[in-house]
PDB file of N, CA and C in Angstrom:
ATOM      1  N   ASP A   1      96.018  63.135  49.210  1.00  0.00           N
ATOM      2  CA  ASP A   1      95.418  63.634  50.211  1.00  0.00           C
ATOM      3  C   ASP A   1      93.703  64.523  49.948  1.00  0.00           C
ATOM      4  N   SER A   2      93.450  64.874  49.691  1.00  0.00           N
ATOM      5  CA  SER A   2      92.501  65.434  49.164  1.00  0.00           C
ATOM      6  C   SER A   2      91.165  63.986  49.490  1.00  0.00           C
ATOM      7  N   LEU A   3      91.205  63.390  48.554  1.00  0.00           N
ATOM      8  CA  LEU A   3      90.369  62.335  48.631  1.00  0.00           C
ATOM      9  C   LEU A   3      90.433  61.408  50.092  1.00  0.00           C
ATOM     10  N   ARG A   4      91.445  61.393  50.905  1.00  0.00           N
ATOM     11  CA  ARG A   4      91.506  61.063  51.915  1.00  0.00           C
ATOM     12  C   ARG A   4      90.968  62.132  53.020  1.00  0.00           C
ATOM     13  N   VAL A   5      90.619  63.046  52.947  1.00  0.00           N
ATOM     14  CA  VAL A   5      90.339  64.500  53.278  1.00  0.00           C
ATOM     15  C   VAL A   5      88.772  64.207  53.402  1.00  0.00           C
ATOM     16  N   ASP A   6      88.236  64.499  52.280  1.00  0.00           N
ATOM     17  CA  ASP A   6      87.069  63.866  51.766  1.00  0.00           C
ATOM     18  C   ASP A   6      86.408  62.457  52.356  1.00  0.00           C
ATOM     19  N   ALA A   7      86.966  61.384  52.416  1.00  0.00           N
ATOM     20  CA  ALA A   7      86.572  60.387  53.234  1.00  0.00           C
ATOM     21  C   ALA A   7      86.606  60.386  54.736  1.00  0.00           C
ATOM     22  N   LEU A   8      87.139  61.286  55.091  1.00  0.00           N
ATOM     23  CA  LEU A   8      86.751  61.603  56.629  1.00  0.00           C
ATOM     24  C   LEU A   8      86.022  62.425  56.826  1.00  0.00           C
ATOM     25  N   ALA A   9      86.389  63.656  56.149  1.00  0.00           N
ATOM     26  CA  ALA A   9      84.592  64.444  56.213  1.00  0.00           C
ATOM     27  C   ALA A   9      83.511  63.415  56.411  1.00  0.00           C
ATOM     28  N   ALA A  10      83.186  62.449  55.126  1.00  0.00           N
ATOM     29  CA  ALA A  10      81.986  61.953  54.608  1.00  0.00           C
ATOM     30  C   ALA A  10      81.974  60.527  55.904  1.00  0.00           C
ATOM     31  N   TRP A  11      83.256  60.259  56.660  1.00  0.00           N
ATOM     32  CA  TRP A  11      82.567  59.141  57.873  1.00  0.00           C
ATOM     33  C   TRP A  11      82.466  60.529  59.040  1.00  0.00           C
ATOM     34  N   LEU A  12      83.122  61.405  58.950  1.00  0.00           N
ATOM     35  CA  LEU A  12      82.255  62.149  59.897  1.00  0.00           C
ATOM     36  C   LEU A  12      80.509  63.138  60.183  1.00  0.00           C
ATOM     37  N   LYS A  13      80.543  63.037  58.888  1.00  0.00           N
ATOM     38  CA  LYS A  13      79.691  63.079  58.409  1.00  0.00           C
ATOM     39  C   LYS A  13      78.320  62.208  58.883  1.00  0.00           C
ATOM     40  N   GLU A  14      78.331  60.845  58.768  1.00  0.00           N
ATOM     41  CA  GLU A  14      77.553  59.818  58.731  1.00  0.00           C
ATOM     42  C   GLU A  14      77.740  59.720  60.685  1.00  0.00           C
ATOM     43  N   HIS A  15      79.004  59.431  61.049  1.00  0.00           N
ATOM     44  CA  HIS A  15      78.913  58.832  62.262  1.00  0.00           C
ATOM     45  C   HIS A  15      79.057  59.747  63.345  1.00  0.00           C
ATOM     46  N   LEU A  16      79.500  61.144  63.145  1.00  0.00           N
ATOM     47  CA  LEU A  16      79.360  62.276  64.465  1.00  0.00           C
ATOM     48  C   LEU A  16      78.165  63.147  63.925  1.00  0.00           C
ATOM     49  N   PHE A  17      77.720  63.830  63.259  1.00  0.00           N
ATOM     50  CA  PHE A  17      76.913  64.572  62.837  1.00  0.00           C
ATOM     51  C   PHE A  17      75.793  63.851  61.956  1.00  0.00           C
ATOM     52  N   PRO A  18      74.730  63.298  61.936  1.00  0.00           N
ATOM     53  CA  PRO A  18      73.626  62.553  60.885  1.00  0.00           C
ATOM     54  C   PRO A  18      72.729  63.698  61.378  1.00  0.00           C
ATOM     55  N   ALA A  19      72.503  64.629  62.364  1.00  0.00           N
ATOM     56  CA  ALA A  19      71.191  65.019  62.321  1.00  0.00           C
ATOM     57  C   ALA A  19      71.682  66.075  61.319  1.00  0.00           C
ATOM     58  N   ALA A  20      73.014  66.913  60.899  1.00  0.00           N
ATOM     59  CA  ALA A  20      73.229  68.118  61.072  1.00  0.00           C
ATOM     60  C   ALA A  20      72.279  68.817  59.753  1.00  0.00           C
ATOM     61  N   SER A  21      71.804  67.461  58.926  1.00  0.00           N
ATOM     62  CA  SER A  21      71.211  68.040  57.895  1.00  0.00           C
ATOM     63  C   SER A  21      69.836  68.791  58.345  1.00  0.00           C
ATOM     64  N   ALA A  22      68.889  67.792  59.085  1.00  0.00           N
ATOM     65  CA  ALA A  22      67.617  68.832  59.398  1.00  0.00           C
ATOM     66  C   ALA A  22      68.134  69.560  60.725  1.00  0.00           C
ATOM     67  N   ASP A  23      68.715  69.870  61.481  1.00  0.00           N
ATOM     68  CA  ASP A  23      70.094  71.174  62.148  1.00  0.00           C
ATOM     69  C   ASP A  23      69.733  72.779  61.074  1.00  0.00           C
ATOM     70  N   ALA A  24      70.447  72.134  60.360  1.00  0.00           N
ATOM     71  CA  ALA A  24      70.481  73.325  59.721  1.00  0.00           C
ATOM     72  C   ALA A  24      69.103  73.529  59.408  1.00  0.00           C
ATOM     73  N   ALA A  25      68.800  72.965  58.354  1.00  0.00           N
ATOM     74  CA  ALA A  25      67.093  73.154  58.112  1.00  0.00           C
ATOM     75  C   ALA A  25      66.401  73.872  58.863  1.00  0.00           C
ATOM     76  N   GLU A  26      66.545  73.124  60.401  1.00  0.00           N
ATOM     77  CA  GLU A  26      65.657  73.963  61.798  1.00  0.00           C
ATOM     78  C   GLU A  26      65.998  75.298  61.562  1.00  0.00           C
ATOM     79  N   ALA A  27      67.676  75.492  61.995  1.00  0.00           N
ATOM     80  CA  ALA A  27      67.962  76.573  61.883  1.00  0.00           C
ATOM     81  C   ALA A  27      67.392  77.332  60.764  1.00  0.00           C
ATOM     82  N   GLU A  28      67.645  77.858  59.403  1.00  0.00           N
ATOM     83  CA  GLU A  28      66.811  78.324  58.223  1.00  0.00           C
ATOM     84  C   GLU A  28      65.441  78.331  58.649  1.00  0.00           C
ATOM     85  N   CYS A  29      64.596  77.241  58.843  1.00  0.00           N
ATOM     86  CA  CYS A  29      63.314  78.094  59.419  1.00  0.00           C
ATOM     87  C   CYS A  29      63.169  78.558  60.517  1.00  0.00           C
ATOM     88  N   ALA A  30      63.799  78.679  61.718  1.00  0.00           N
ATOM     89  CA  ALA A  30      63.647  79.919  62.525  1.00  0.00           C
ATOM     90  C   ALA A  30      64.391  81.074  62.122  1.00  0.00           C
ATOM     91  N   GLY A  31      64.095  81.021  61.153  1.00  0.00           N
ATOM     92  CA  GLY A  31      64.441  82.402  60.260  1.00  0.00           C
ATOM     93  C   GLY A  31      65.995  83.238  61.258  1.00  0.00           C
ATOM     94  N   LEU A  32      67.136  81.526  61.072  1.00  0.00           N
ATOM     95  CA  LEU A  32      68.424  82.763  60.885  1.00  0.00           C
ATOM     96  C   LEU A  32      69.416  82.835  59.651  1.00  0.00           C
ATOM     97  N   ASP A  33      69.316  84.268  59.505  1.00  0.00           N
ATOM     98  CA  ASP A  33      70.071  84.984  58.222  1.00  0.00           C
ATOM     99  C   ASP A  33      71.140  85.166  58.379  1.00  0.00           C
ATOM    100  N   GLU A  34      71.833  84.544  57.646  1.00  0.00           N
ATOM    101  CA  GLU A  34      73.576  85.049  57.874  1.00  0.00           C
ATOM    102  C   GLU A  34      74.286  85.068  56.886  1.00  0.00           C
ATOM    103  N   SER A  35      73.194  85.574  55.303  1.00  0.00           N
ATOM    104  CA  SER A  35      73.705  86.138  54.690  1.00  0.00           C
ATOM    105  C   SER A  35      74.470  87.374  54.943  1.00  0.00           C
ATOM    106  N   HIS A  36      74.479  87.856  55.539  1.00  0.00           N
ATOM    107  CA  HIS A  36      75.726  89.200  55.644  1.00  0.00           C
ATOM    108  C   HIS A  36      77.147  88.151  56.304  1.00  0.00           C
ATOM    109  N   ALA A  37      77.279  87.068  56.922  1.00  0.00           N
ATOM    110  CA  ALA A  37      78.285  86.035  57.241  1.00  0.00           C
ATOM    111  C   ALA A  37      79.032  85.550  55.887  1.00  0.00           C
ATOM    112  N   GLY A  38      80.287  86.015  55.877  1.00  0.00           N
ATOM    113  CA  GLY A  38      81.433  85.054  55.332  1.00  0.00           C
ATOM    114  C   GLY A  38      81.313  83.876  55.259  1.00  0.00           C
ATOM    115  N   ARG A  39      81.505  82.996  54.435  1.00  0.00           N
ATOM    116  CA  ARG A  39      81.679  81.661  54.223  1.00  0.00           C
ATOM    117  C   ARG A  39      82.876  81.015  55.480  1.00  0.00           C
ATOM    118  N   ILE A  40      83.814  81.444  55.707  1.00  0.00           N
ATOM    119  CA  ILE A  40      84.487  80.844  56.756  1.00  0.00           C
ATOM    120  C   ILE A  40      83.351  80.784  58.482  1.00  0.00           C
ATOM    121  N   THR A  41      82.904  82.299  58.258  1.00  0.00           N
ATOM    122  CA  THR A  41      81.944  82.387  59.753  1.00  0.00           C
ATOM    123  C   THR A  41      81.070  81.844  59.489  1.00  0.00           C
ATOM    124  N   ARG A  42      80.405  81.210  58.188  1.00  0.00           N
ATOM    125  CA  ARG A  42      78.835  80.119  58.424  1.00  0.00           C
ATOM    126  C   ARG A  42      79.422  79.051  58.875  1.00  0.00           C
ATOM    127  N   SER A  43      80.687  78.903  58.333  1.00  0.00           N
ATOM    128  CA  SER A  43      81.052  77.219  58.635  1.00  0.00           C
ATOM    129  C   SER A  43      82.036  77.123  59.836  1.00  0.00           C
ATOM    130  N   VAL A  44      82.431  78.114  60.610  1.00  0.00           N
ATOM    131  CA  VAL A  44      82.594  78.013  61.901  1.00  0.00           C
ATOM    132  C   VAL A  44      81.203  78.157  62.918  1.00  0.00           C
ATOM    133  N   ARG A  45      80.354  78.452  62.630  1.00  0.00           N
ATOM    134  CA  ARG A  45      79.156  78.676  63.287  1.00  0.00           C
ATOM    135  C   ARG A  45      78.353  77.111  63.236  1.00  0.00           C
ATOM    136  N   ASN A  46      78.516  76.920  62.425  1.00  0.00           N
ATOM    137  CA  ASN A  46      77.564  75.297  61.562  1.00  0.00           C
ATOM    138  C   ASN A  46      77.674  74.176  62.152  1.00  0.00           C
ATOM    139  N   SER A  47      79.393  74.452  62.493  1.00  0.00           N
ATOM    140  CA  SER A  47      79.960  73.054  63.393  1.00  0.00           C
ATOM    141  C   SER A  47      80.017  73.717  64.700  1.00  0.00           C
ATOM    142  N   GLY A  48      79.635  74.819  65.417  1.00  0.00           N
ATOM    143  CA  GLY A  48      80.044  75.125  66.680  1.00  0.00           C
ATOM    144  C   GLY A  48      77.984  74.870  66.789  1.00  0.00           C
ATOM    145  N   ARG A  49      77.530  74.877  66.451  1.00  0.00           N
ATOM    146  CA  ARG A  49      76.073  74.277  66.108  1.00  0.00           C
ATOM    147  C   ARG A  49      75.583  72.929  66.068  1.00  0.00           C
ATOM    148  N   GLU A  50      76.784  72.246  65.403  1.00  0.00           N
ATOM    149  CA  GLU A  50      76.381  70.603  64.923  1.00  0.00           C
ATOM    150  C   GLU A  50      77.261  69.741  66.482  1.00  0.00           C
ATOM    151  N   PHE A  51      77.912  70.619  66.847  1.00  0.00           N
ATOM    152  CA  PHE A  51      78.940  70.197  68.232  1.00  0.00           C
ATOM    153  C   PHE A  51      77.980  70.431  69.118  1.00  0.00           C
ATOM    154  N   SER A  52      77.035  71.156  69.476  1.00  0.00           N
ATOM    155  CA  SER A  52      76.104  71.383  70.564  1.00  0.00           C
ATOM    156  C   SER A  52      75.084  70.856  70.829  1.00  0.00           C
ATOM    157  N   ALA A  53      75.095  70.304  69.312  1.00  0.00           N
ATOM    158  CA  ALA A  53      73.867  69.480  69.129  1.00  0.00           C
ATOM    159  C   ALA A  53      74.294  67.866  68.739  1.00  0.00           C
ATOM    160  N   TRP A  54      75.280  67.828  69.404  1.00  0.00           N
ATOM    161  CA  TRP A  54      76.278  66.610  69.804  1.00  0.00           C
ATOM    162  C   TRP A  54      75.509  66.019  70.797  1.00  0.00           C
ATOM    163  N   ILE A  55      76.588  67.404  71.721  1.00  0.00           N
ATOM    164  CA  ILE A  55      77.024  67.358  73.070  1.00  0.00           C
ATOM    165  C   ILE A  55      75.011  66.918  73.007  1.00  0.00           C
ATOM    166  N   ASN A  56      73.964  67.626  72.840  1.00  0.00           N
ATOM    167  CA  ASN A  56      72.833  67.264  73.699  1.00  0.00           C
ATOM    168  C   ASN A  56      72.049  65.922  73.643  1.00  0.00           C
ATOM    169  N   ARG A  57      72.348  65.449  72.119  1.00  0.00           N
ATOM    170  CA  ARG A  57      72.282  64.185  72.318  1.00  0.00           C
ATOM    171  C   ARG A  57      72.901  63.375  72.556  1.00  0.00           C
ATOM    172  N   HIS A  58      74.189  63.454  73.319  1.00  0.00           N
ATOM    173  CA  HIS A  58      74.518  62.372  73.570  1.00  0.00           C
ATOM    174  C   HIS A  58      74.885  63.036  75.235  1.00  0.00           C
ATOM    175  N   THR A  59      74.262  63.330  76.318  1.00  0.00           N
ATOM    176  CA  THR A  59      73.806  64.011  77.276  1.00  0.00           C
ATOM    177  C   THR A  59      72.743  63.686  77.209  1.00  0.00           C
ATOM    178  N   ALA A  60      72.021  63.161  76.971  1.00  0.00           N
ATOM    179  CA  ALA A  60      69.975  63.016  76.903  1.00  0.00           C
ATOM    180  C   ALA A  60      69.446  64.591  77.336  1.00  0.00           C
ATOM    181  N   GLY A  61      69.856  65.789  76.553  1.00  0.00           N
ATOM    182  CA  GLY A  61      69.360  66.530  76.715  1.00  0.00           C
ATOM    183  C   GLY A  61      69.358  67.078  77.605  1.00  0.00           C
ATOM    184  N   TRP A  62      70.397  66.823  78.204  1.00  0.00           N
ATOM    185  CA  TRP A  62      70.791  67.947  79.388  1.00  0.00           C
ATOM    186  C   TRP A  62      71.875  69.222  79.796  1.00  0.00           C
ATOM    187  N   PHE A  63      72.494  68.762  78.870  1.00  0.00           N
ATOM    188  CA  PHE A  63      73.712  70.191  78.029  1.00  0.00           C
ATOM    189  C   PHE A  63      73.397  70.102  76.842  1.00  0.00           C
ATOM    190  N   ASP A  64      73.805  71.372  76.260  1.00  0.00           N
ATOM    191  CA  ASP A  64      75.005  71.970  74.957  1.00  0.00           C
ATOM    192  C   ASP A  64      76.071  72.635  75.275  1.00  0.00           C
ATOM    193  N   MET A  65      76.686  73.010  74.425  1.00  0.00           N
ATOM    194  CA  MET A  65      78.125  73.582  74.340  1.00  0.00           C
ATOM    195  C   MET A  65      77.772  74.751  75.946  1.00  0.00           C
ATOM    196  N   SER A  66      77.110  76.194  75.226  1.00  0.00           N
ATOM    197  CA  SER A  66      77.445  76.209  76.328  1.00  0.00           C
ATOM    198  C   SER A  66      76.719  76.451  78.029  1.00  0.00           C
ATOM    199  N   SER A  67      75.852  75.389  78.180  1.00  0.00           N
ATOM    200  CA  SER A  67      75.710  74.918  79.443  1.00  0.00           C
ATOM    201  C   SER A  67      77.055  74.417  80.131  1.00  0.00           C
ATOM    202  N   LEU A  68      77.485  73.391  79.194  1.00  0.00           N
ATOM    203  CA  LEU A  68      78.179  72.613  79.055  1.00  0.00           C
ATOM    204  C   LEU A  68      79.547  73.482  80.468  1.00  0.00           C
ATOM    205  N   VAL A  69      79.881  74.542  78.722  1.00  0.00           N
ATOM    206  CA  VAL A  69      81.146  75.060  79.425  1.00  0.00           C
ATOM    207  C   VAL A  69      80.746  76.499  80.824  1.00  0.00           C
ATOM    208  N   SER A  70      79.574  76.384  80.358  1.00  0.00           N
ATOM    209  CA  SER A  70      79.345  77.584  82.183  1.00  0.00           C
ATOM    210  C   SER A  70      79.182  76.736  82.567  1.00  0.00           C
ATOM    211  N   LEU A  71      79.047  74.952  83.552  1.00  0.00           N
ATOM    212  CA  LEU A  71      78.964  74.443  84.328  1.00  0.00           C
ATOM    213  C   LEU A  71      80.696  74.477  84.599  1.00  0.00           C
ATOM    214  N   LEU A  72      81.423  74.017  83.712  1.00  0.00           N
ATOM    215  CA  LEU A  72      82.587  73.969  83.850  1.00  0.00           C
ATOM    216  C   LEU A  72      83.373  74.948  84.536  1.00  0.00           C
ATOM    217  N   PHE A  73      83.040  76.074  83.720  1.00  0.00           N
ATOM    218  CA  PHE A  73      83.235  77.331  84.289  1.00  0.00           C
ATOM    219  C   PHE A  73      82.862  77.810  85.854  1.00  0.00           C
ATOM    220  N   ALA A  74      81.939  77.352  85.928  1.00  0.00           N
ATOM    221  CA  ALA A  74      81.180  77.868  87.447  1.00  0.00           C
ATOM    222  C   ALA A  74      82.033  76.360  88.337  1.00  0.00           C
ATOM    223  N   LEU A  75      82.101  75.675  87.811  1.00  0.00           N
ATOM    224  CA  LEU A  75      82.799  74.225  88.911  1.00  0.00           C
ATOM    225  C   LEU A  75      84.412  75.387  89.603  1.00  0.00           C
ATOM    226  N   ARG A  76      85.479  75.678  88.691  1.00  0.00           N
ATOM    227  CA  ARG A  76      86.824  76.042  88.698  1.00  0.00           C
ATOM    228  C   ARG A  76      86.287  77.162  89.174  1.00  0.00           C
ATOM    229  N   GLY A  77      85.656  78.029  89.040  1.00  0.00           N
ATOM    230  CA  GLY A  77      85.114  79.335  90.164  1.00  0.00           C
ATOM    231  C   GLY A  77      85.072  78.379  91.251  1.00  0.00           C
ATOM    232  N   ILE A  78      84.445  78.162  91.693  1.00  0.00           N
ATOM    233  CA  ILE A  78      84.321  77.387  93.050  1.00  0.00           C
ATOM    234  C   ILE A  78      85.566  76.988  93.924  1.00  0.00           C
ATOM    235  N   ARG A  79      86.187  76.132  92.868  1.00  0.00           N
ATOM    236  CA  ARG A  79      87.633  75.730  93.396  1.00  0.00           C
ATOM    237  C   ARG A  79      88.627  76.936  93.835  1.00  0.00           C
ATOM    238  N   LYS A  80      88.266  77.945  93.047  1.00  0.00           N
ATOM    239  CA  LYS A  80      88.856  79.100  92.721  1.00  0.00           C
ATOM    240  C   LYS A  80      88.742  79.397  94.454  1.00  0.00           C
ATOM    241  N   VAL A  81      87.800  79.548  94.374  1.00  0.00           N
ATOM    242  CA  VAL A  81      87.209  80.334  95.504  1.00  0.00           C
ATOM    243  C   VAL A  81      87.629  79.849  97.239  1.00  0.00           C
ATOM    244  N   LEU A  82      87.236  78.522  96.710  1.00  0.00           N
ATOM    245  CA  LEU A  82      87.115  77.730  98.297  1.00  0.00           C
ATOM    246  C   LEU A  82      88.473  77.608  98.274  1.00  0.00           C
ATOM    247  N   MET A  83      89.642  77.784  97.181  1.00  0.00           N
ATOM    248  CA  MET A  83      91.083  77.415  97.484  1.00  0.00           C
ATOM    249  C   MET A  83      92.209  78.397  98.119  1.00  0.00           C
ATOM    250  N   THR A  84      91.324  79.347  97.285  1.00  0.00           N
ATOM    251  CA  THR A  84      92.108  80.702  97.643  1.00  0.00           C
ATOM    252  C   THR A  84      91.637  82.088  98.796  1.00  0.00           C
ATOM    253  N   TYR A  85      90.228  81.138  99.280  1.00  0.00           N
ATOM    254  CA  TYR A  85      89.423  82.261 100.034  1.00  0.00           C
ATOM    255  C   TYR A  85      89.240  83.779  99.372  1.00  0.00           C
ATOM    256  N   SER A  86      88.654  83.419  98.441  1.00  0.00           N
ATOM    257  CA  SER A  86      89.089  85.096  97.748  1.00  0.00           C
ATOM    258  C   SER A  86      87.177  85.043  97.096  1.00  0.00           C
ATOM    259  N   SER A  87      86.868  86.561  97.111  1.00  0.00           N
ATOM    260  CA  SER A  87      85.885  86.700  97.014  1.00  0.00           C
ATOM    261  C   SER A  87      85.420  87.845  95.626  1.00  0.00           C
ATOM    262  N   PRO A  88      84.792  87.648  94.860  1.00  0.00           N
ATOM    263  CA  PRO A  88      84.946  89.154  93.293  1.00  0.00           C
ATOM    264  C   PRO A  88      83.894  89.911  94.034  1.00  0.00           C
ATOM    265  N   SER A  89      84.281  91.030  93.586  1.00  0.00           N
ATOM    266  CA  SER A  89      84.053  92.302  93.792  1.00  0.00           C
ATOM    267  C   SER A  89      81.923  92.655  93.753  1.00  0.00           C
ATOM    268  N   GLY A  90      82.082  93.165  93.869  1.00  0.00           N
ATOM    269  CA  GLY A  90      80.556  93.591  94.536  1.00  0.00           C
ATOM    270  C   GLY A  90      80.303  93.955  93.001  1.00  0.00           C
ATOM    271  N   ALA A  91      80.945  94.897  92.281  1.00  0.00           N
ATOM    272  CA  ALA A  91      80.588  95.557  91.099  1.00  0.00           C
ATOM    273  C   ALA A  91      80.671  93.794  89.936  1.00  0.00           C
ATOM    274  N   GLN A  92      81.529  93.295  90.140  1.00  0.00           N
ATOM    275  CA  GLN A  92      81.565  91.999  89.589  1.00  0.00           C
ATOM    276  C   GLN A  92      80.783  90.909  89.539  1.00  0.00           C
ATOM    277  N   MET A  93      79.834  90.531  91.041  1.00  0.00           N
ATOM    278  CA  MET A  93      78.512  89.875  90.922  1.00  0.00           C
ATOM    279  C   MET A  93      77.584  90.573  90.257  1.00  0.00           C
ATOM    280  N   LEU A  94      77.574  92.503  90.855  1.00  0.00           N
ATOM    281  CA  LEU A  94      76.574  92.777  89.980  1.00  0.00           C
ATOM    282  C   LEU A  94      76.784  92.836  88.105  1.00  0.00           C
ATOM    283  N   TRP A  95      77.758  92.434  87.410  1.00  0.00           N
ATOM    284  CA  TRP A  95      78.285  92.408  85.925  1.00  0.00           C
ATOM    285  C   TRP A  95      77.516  91.257  85.672  1.00  0.00           C
ATOM    286  N   TRP A  96      77.524  90.055  86.274  1.00  0.00           N
ATOM    287  CA  TRP A  96      78.212  88.425  85.982  1.00  0.00           C
ATOM    288  C   TRP A  96      75.963  88.377  86.230  1.00  0.00           C
ATOM    289  N   ALA A  97      75.234  88.411  87.362  1.00  0.00           N
ATOM    290  CA  ALA A  97      74.032  88.629  87.256  1.00  0.00           C
ATOM    291  C   ALA A  97      73.637  89.450  85.810  1.00  0.00           C
ATOM    292  N   LEU A  98      73.766  90.280  85.859  1.00  0.00           N
ATOM    293  CA  LEU A  98      73.286  91.286  84.906  1.00  0.00           C
ATOM    294  C   LEU A  98      73.529  90.602  83.272  1.00  0.00           C
ATOM    295  N   SER A  99      74.650  89.818  82.586  1.00  0.00           N
ATOM    296  CA  SER A  99      74.690  89.212  82.003  1.00  0.00           C
ATOM    297  C   SER A  99      73.961  87.776  82.160  1.00  0.00           C
ATOM    298  N   LEU A 100      73.412  87.737  82.660  1.00  0.00           N
ATOM    299  CA  LEU A 100      73.251  86.298  82.739  1.00  0.00           C
ATOM    300  C   LEU A 100      71.666  86.486  83.424  1.00  0.00           C
ATOM    301  N   MET A 101      71.346  87.219  83.268  1.00  0.00           N
ATOM    302  CA  MET A 101      70.009  87.756  82.828  1.00  0.00           C
ATOM    303  C   MET A 101      69.415  88.247  81.232  1.00  0.00           C
ATOM    304  N   ARG A 102      70.369  88.608  81.369  1.00  0.00           N
ATOM    305  CA  ARG A 102      70.407  89.003  79.651  1.00  0.00           C
ATOM    306  C   ARG A 102      69.682  88.294  78.768  1.00  0.00           C
ATOM    307  N   GLY A 103      68.316  88.496  78.574  1.00  0.00           N
ATOM    308  CA  GLY A 103      68.145  87.346  76.813  1.00  0.00           C
ATOM    309  C   GLY A 103      66.713  86.527  77.650  1.00  0.00           C
ATOM    310  N   TRP A 104      66.874  87.124  78.791  1.00  0.00           N
ATOM    311  CA  TRP A 104      66.124  85.729  80.147  1.00  0.00           C
ATOM    312  C   TRP A 104      64.499  86.713  79.449  1.00  0.00           C
ATOM    313  N   ARG A 105      63.463  85.796  79.364  1.00  0.00           N
ATOM    314  CA  ARG A 105      62.346  86.513  79.198  1.00  0.00           C
ATOM    315  C   ARG A 105      61.437  85.838  80.518  1.00  0.00           C
ATOM    316  N   THR A 106      60.376  86.602  80.443  1.00  0.00           N
ATOM    317  CA  THR A 106      60.106  86.919  81.748  1.00  0.00           C
ATOM    318  C   THR A 106      57.942  86.662  81.313  1.00  0.00           C
ATOM    319  N   VAL A 107      57.365  85.939  81.924  1.00  0.00           N
ATOM    320  CA  VAL A 107      56.174  85.639  81.534  1.00  0.00           C
ATOM    321  C   VAL A 107      55.347  86.690  81.962  1.00  0.00           C
TER     322      VAL A 107
END
């Protein structure tokens, strides 16, 4: 069983995540210090980054994982508002606005 899993991992690395080693080197150069995180946490984060890079490559740079999920949530939210004729409260809209702006850089 372990040989099959190793073969599957090698195939996935070669066919689905060929730039993973370049992304890992880029992340290290970007100053991401994850020495405090456990091995499983680092593995999950790296898998998420690799999947996000895969989405980015296959959508010609239009999306990454977070932007694609955001788009899906936005479309679902718009559909729900239009079908149920409901709207969020003012406080909820203010929270969303502040959450979206968090981390944005202004010139």
